Structure formats: C-alpha cells, structure tokens
Amino acid sequence: MQRIERPLAQALVRWLTAAEGGRQSGPPTATVYRSTASFQSERDPLDQPRPPTEAHTVLLQETECLPDGRRRCLVGFLAPDLMRPHLRAGARLLVLEGPRTVATADIEVVLD
C-alpha cells in the first residue's frame, strides 16, 4: 500500500523504545504501517483507568518526523464506518503488535 486513500484523522505518534516494551527494530519504515489499535479509555469516576476498547486494524502513514522524535501521521482504518463515531481530537489510540503496545497515537484533527 502506497498511501491511505481516505484518511479519517491526523495524529501525533510516539513509538515506544525497546526498553519501554516497544519494537526492537524501532519505528516501522513501510510507507503505510498496518497493525491493530484500540482507543485508550478515559478514567472512571473513581479515577481508575478503564481497559482499552476492542482492537481494530489501523493504518498509519507518516507525513512528518518532529524534532522530539514523534511522527505526524495520517490515520485510516480497514472498517472506517465503525471507527468514525469514536474519533475526536484528543482521543488516544494504543497501537498494538499482538498484545503489546508499541506506540501511542494522539488524534490531533478529525478529517472530513
């Protein structure tokens, strides 16, 4: 895949280091990275973190590498209609490889 045809959002992605449990090889080099992701749930009224939502296939296409190491990426999903209701600026996606979180993606802008 060379590009995401219809991205739903733009996000700032922070890839976890190997020491943090992230990818041993560092950030992916593919033009469009495909994996699973779930939305990180907010805290409940007793200030306890809620478990993440179920995982869906996410597509990330890097558009910019920032000086602090974060990557600005376009975000797409294989099932965009299912994900659109969950997208909002400020939402956080946990990018997974198997059961392991390898990156966080903070949604900056939801696209039309």
C-alpha atoms as a PDB file:
ATOM      1  CA  MET A   1       0.000   0.000   0.000  1.00  0.00           C
ATOM      2  CA  GLN A   2       1.494   3.330  -1.067  1.00  0.00           C
ATOM      3  CA  ARG A   3      -0.884   5.688   0.735  1.00  0.00           C
ATOM      4  CA  ILE A   4      -4.093   5.800   2.732  1.00  0.00           C
ATOM      5  CA  GLU A   5      -6.845   6.573   0.215  1.00  0.00           C
ATOM      6  CA  ARG A   6      -9.252   8.238   2.654  1.00  0.00           C
ATOM      7  CA  PRO A   7      -7.618   9.062   5.991  1.00  0.00           C
ATOM      8  CA  LEU A   8     -10.002   9.754   8.860  1.00  0.00           C
ATOM      9  CA  ALA A   9      -7.629  11.696  11.089  1.00  0.00           C
ATOM     10  CA  GLN A  10      -4.196  13.114  11.702  1.00  0.00           C
ATOM     11  CA  ALA A  11      -2.305  12.063  14.840  1.00  0.00           C
ATOM     12  CA  LEU A  12       0.953  12.515  16.683  1.00  0.00           C
ATOM     13  CA  VAL A  13       2.523   9.085  17.115  1.00  0.00           C
ATOM     14  CA  ARG A  14       5.129   8.223  19.718  1.00  0.00           C
ATOM     15  CA  TRP A  15       6.840   4.891  19.158  1.00  0.00           C
ATOM     16  CA  LEU A  16       7.874   3.216  22.405  1.00  0.00           C
ATOM     17  CA  THR A  17      11.535   2.311  22.741  1.00  0.00           C
ATOM     18  CA  ALA A  18      12.623  -1.306  23.101  1.00  0.00           C
ATOM     19  CA  ALA A  19      13.284  -0.608  26.803  1.00  0.00           C
ATOM     20  CA  GLU A  20       9.644   0.541  27.159  1.00  0.00           C
ATOM     21  CA  GLY A  21       8.401  -2.672  25.533  1.00  0.00           C
ATOM     22  CA  GLY A  22       8.166  -1.275  22.004  1.00  0.00           C
ATOM     23  CA  ARG A  23       9.553  -2.580  18.745  1.00  0.00           C
ATOM     24  CA  GLN A  24      13.119  -3.932  18.873  1.00  0.00           C
ATOM     25  CA  SER A  25      13.775  -2.548  15.369  1.00  0.00           C
ATOM     26  CA  GLY A  26      12.409   0.947  16.109  1.00  0.00           C
ATOM     27  CA  PRO A  27       9.667   2.747  14.183  1.00  0.00           C
ATOM     28  CA  PRO A  28       8.473   0.980  11.033  1.00  0.00           C
ATOM     29  CA  THR A  29       9.848   2.037   7.661  1.00  0.00           C
ATOM     30  CA  ALA A  30       6.887   0.964   5.498  1.00  0.00           C
ATOM     31  CA  THR A  31       5.094   3.729   3.617  1.00  0.00           C
ATOM     32  CA  VAL A  32       1.837   2.655   5.278  1.00  0.00           C
ATOM     33  CA  TYR A  33       2.116   0.704   8.534  1.00  0.00           C
ATOM     34  CA  ARG A  34      -0.754  -1.672   9.299  1.00  0.00           C
ATOM     35  CA  SER A  35      -1.432  -3.156  12.730  1.00  0.00           C
ATOM     36  CA  THR A  36      -4.157  -3.278  15.349  1.00  0.00           C
ATOM     37  CA  ALA A  37      -5.101  -0.488  17.714  1.00  0.00           C
ATOM     38  CA  SER A  38      -7.626   0.263  20.398  1.00  0.00           C
ATOM     39  CA  PHE A  39      -8.827   3.530  21.840  1.00  0.00           C
ATOM     40  CA  GLN A  40      -7.496   4.150  25.315  1.00  0.00           C
ATOM     41  CA  SER A  41     -10.494   4.568  27.563  1.00  0.00           C
ATOM     42  CA  GLU A  42     -10.778   7.512  29.876  1.00  0.00           C
ATOM     43  CA  ARG A  43     -10.709   7.215  33.657  1.00  0.00           C
ATOM     44  CA  ASP A  44     -13.809   6.221  35.579  1.00  0.00           C
ATOM     45  CA  PRO A  45     -15.308   8.432  38.321  1.00  0.00           C
ATOM     46  CA  LEU A  46     -13.049   6.799  40.945  1.00  0.00           C
ATOM     47  CA  ASP A  47     -10.007   7.826  38.845  1.00  0.00           C
ATOM     48  CA  GLN A  48      -9.212   4.253  37.862  1.00  0.00           C
ATOM     49  CA  PRO A  49      -8.130   3.671  34.254  1.00  0.00           C
ATOM     50  CA  ARG A  50     -10.683   1.774  32.219  1.00  0.00           C
ATOM     51  CA  PRO A  51      -9.459  -1.048  29.982  1.00  0.00           C
ATOM     52  CA  PRO A  52      -8.887  -0.230  26.305  1.00  0.00           C
ATOM     53  CA  THR A  53     -11.683  -0.730  23.804  1.00  0.00           C
ATOM     54  CA  GLU A  54     -11.591  -3.679  21.408  1.00  0.00           C
ATOM     55  CA  ALA A  55      -8.859  -3.685  18.784  1.00  0.00           C
ATOM     56  CA  HIS A  56      -9.343  -2.769  15.112  1.00  0.00           C
ATOM     57  CA  THR A  57      -6.993  -2.666  12.132  1.00  0.00           C
ATOM     58  CA  VAL A  58      -5.324   0.735  11.874  1.00  0.00           C
ATOM     59  CA  LEU A  59      -3.301   2.258   9.050  1.00  0.00           C
ATOM     60  CA  LEU A  60      -0.617   4.892   9.747  1.00  0.00           C
ATOM     61  CA  GLN A  61       1.099   6.932   7.056  1.00  0.00           C
ATOM     62  CA  GLU A  62       3.909   9.169   8.293  1.00  0.00           C
ATOM     63  CA  THR A  63       3.864  12.712   6.949  1.00  0.00           C
ATOM     64  CA  GLU A  64       6.411  14.399   9.215  1.00  0.00           C
ATOM     65  CA  CYS A  65       9.117  13.489  11.734  1.00  0.00           C
ATOM     66  CA  LEU A  66       9.243  16.060  14.528  1.00  0.00           C
ATOM     67  CA  PRO A  67      12.439  17.127  16.348  1.00  0.00           C
ATOM     68  CA  ASP A  68      11.298  15.365  19.551  1.00  0.00           C
ATOM     69  CA  GLY A  69      11.049  12.015  17.721  1.00  0.00           C
ATOM     70  CA  ARG A  70       7.265  11.913  17.436  1.00  0.00           C
ATOM     71  CA  ARG A  71       5.794  11.324  13.987  1.00  0.00           C
ATOM     72  CA  ARG A  72       2.819  13.137  12.496  1.00  0.00           C
ATOM     73  CA  CYS A  73       0.739  10.537  10.657  1.00  0.00           C
ATOM     74  CA  LEU A  74      -2.446  10.196   8.675  1.00  0.00           C
ATOM     75  CA  VAL A  75      -4.735   7.614  10.273  1.00  0.00           C
ATOM     76  CA  GLY A  76      -7.071   5.218   8.496  1.00  0.00           C
ATOM     77  CA  PHE A  77      -8.928   2.037   9.399  1.00  0.00           C
ATOM     78  CA  LEU A  78      -9.987  -1.021   7.445  1.00  0.00           C
ATOM     79  CA  ALA A  79     -13.509  -0.520   8.843  1.00  0.00           C
ATOM     80  CA  PRO A  80     -13.770   3.297   8.791  1.00  0.00           C
ATOM     81  CA  ASP A  81     -17.525   3.470   9.381  1.00  0.00           C
ATOM     82  CA  LEU A  82     -17.138   1.545  12.659  1.00  0.00           C
ATOM     83  CA  MET A  83     -14.369   3.833  13.875  1.00  0.00           C
ATOM     84  CA  ARG A  84     -15.698   7.236  12.815  1.00  0.00           C
ATOM     85  CA  PRO A  85     -18.004   7.610  15.892  1.00  0.00           C
ATOM     86  CA  HIS A  86     -15.013   7.115  18.234  1.00  0.00           C
ATOM     87  CA  LEU A  87     -12.747   9.676  16.581  1.00  0.00           C
ATOM     88  CA  ARG A  88     -12.323  13.040  18.245  1.00  0.00           C
ATOM     89  CA  ALA A  89      -9.445  15.423  18.782  1.00  0.00           C
ATOM     90  CA  GLY A  90      -7.626  14.399  21.954  1.00  0.00           C
ATOM     91  CA  ALA A  91      -8.507  10.692  21.746  1.00  0.00           C
ATOM     92  CA  ARG A  92      -5.580   8.311  22.176  1.00  0.00           C
ATOM     93  CA  LEU A  93      -5.024   5.120  20.235  1.00  0.00           C
ATOM     94  CA  LEU A  94      -2.829   2.352  21.586  1.00  0.00           C
ATOM     95  CA  VAL A  95      -1.018   0.779  18.623  1.00  0.00           C
ATOM     96  CA  LEU A  96      -0.520  -2.940  19.209  1.00  0.00           C
ATOM     97  CA  GLU A  97       1.603  -5.737  17.859  1.00  0.00           C
ATOM     98  CA  GLY A  98      -0.038  -8.802  19.309  1.00  0.00           C
ATOM     99  CA  PRO A  99      -0.850  -7.988  22.943  1.00  0.00           C
ATOM    100  CA  ARG A 100       1.991  -5.460  23.224  1.00  0.00           C
ATOM    101  CA  THR A 101       1.556  -1.687  22.953  1.00  0.00           C
ATOM    102  CA  VAL A 102       4.281  -0.396  20.617  1.00  0.00           C
ATOM    103  CA  ALA A 103       3.100   3.206  20.133  1.00  0.00           C
ATOM    104  CA  THR A 104       0.542   5.782  21.172  1.00  0.00           C
ATOM    105  CA  ALA A 105      -1.283   7.943  18.642  1.00  0.00           C
ATOM    106  CA  ASP A 106      -2.910  11.124  19.892  1.00  0.00           C
ATOM    107  CA  ILE A 107      -5.581  12.337  17.470  1.00  0.00           C
ATOM    108  CA  GLU A 108      -4.976  15.981  16.539  1.00  0.00           C
ATOM    109  CA  VAL A 109      -7.557  16.530  13.825  1.00  0.00           C
ATOM    110  CA  VAL A 110     -10.510  14.526  12.539  1.00  0.00           C
ATOM    111  CA  LEU A 111     -10.724  14.835   8.751  1.00  0.00           C
ATOM    112  CA  ASP A 112     -13.922  15.056   6.686  1.00  0.00           C
END
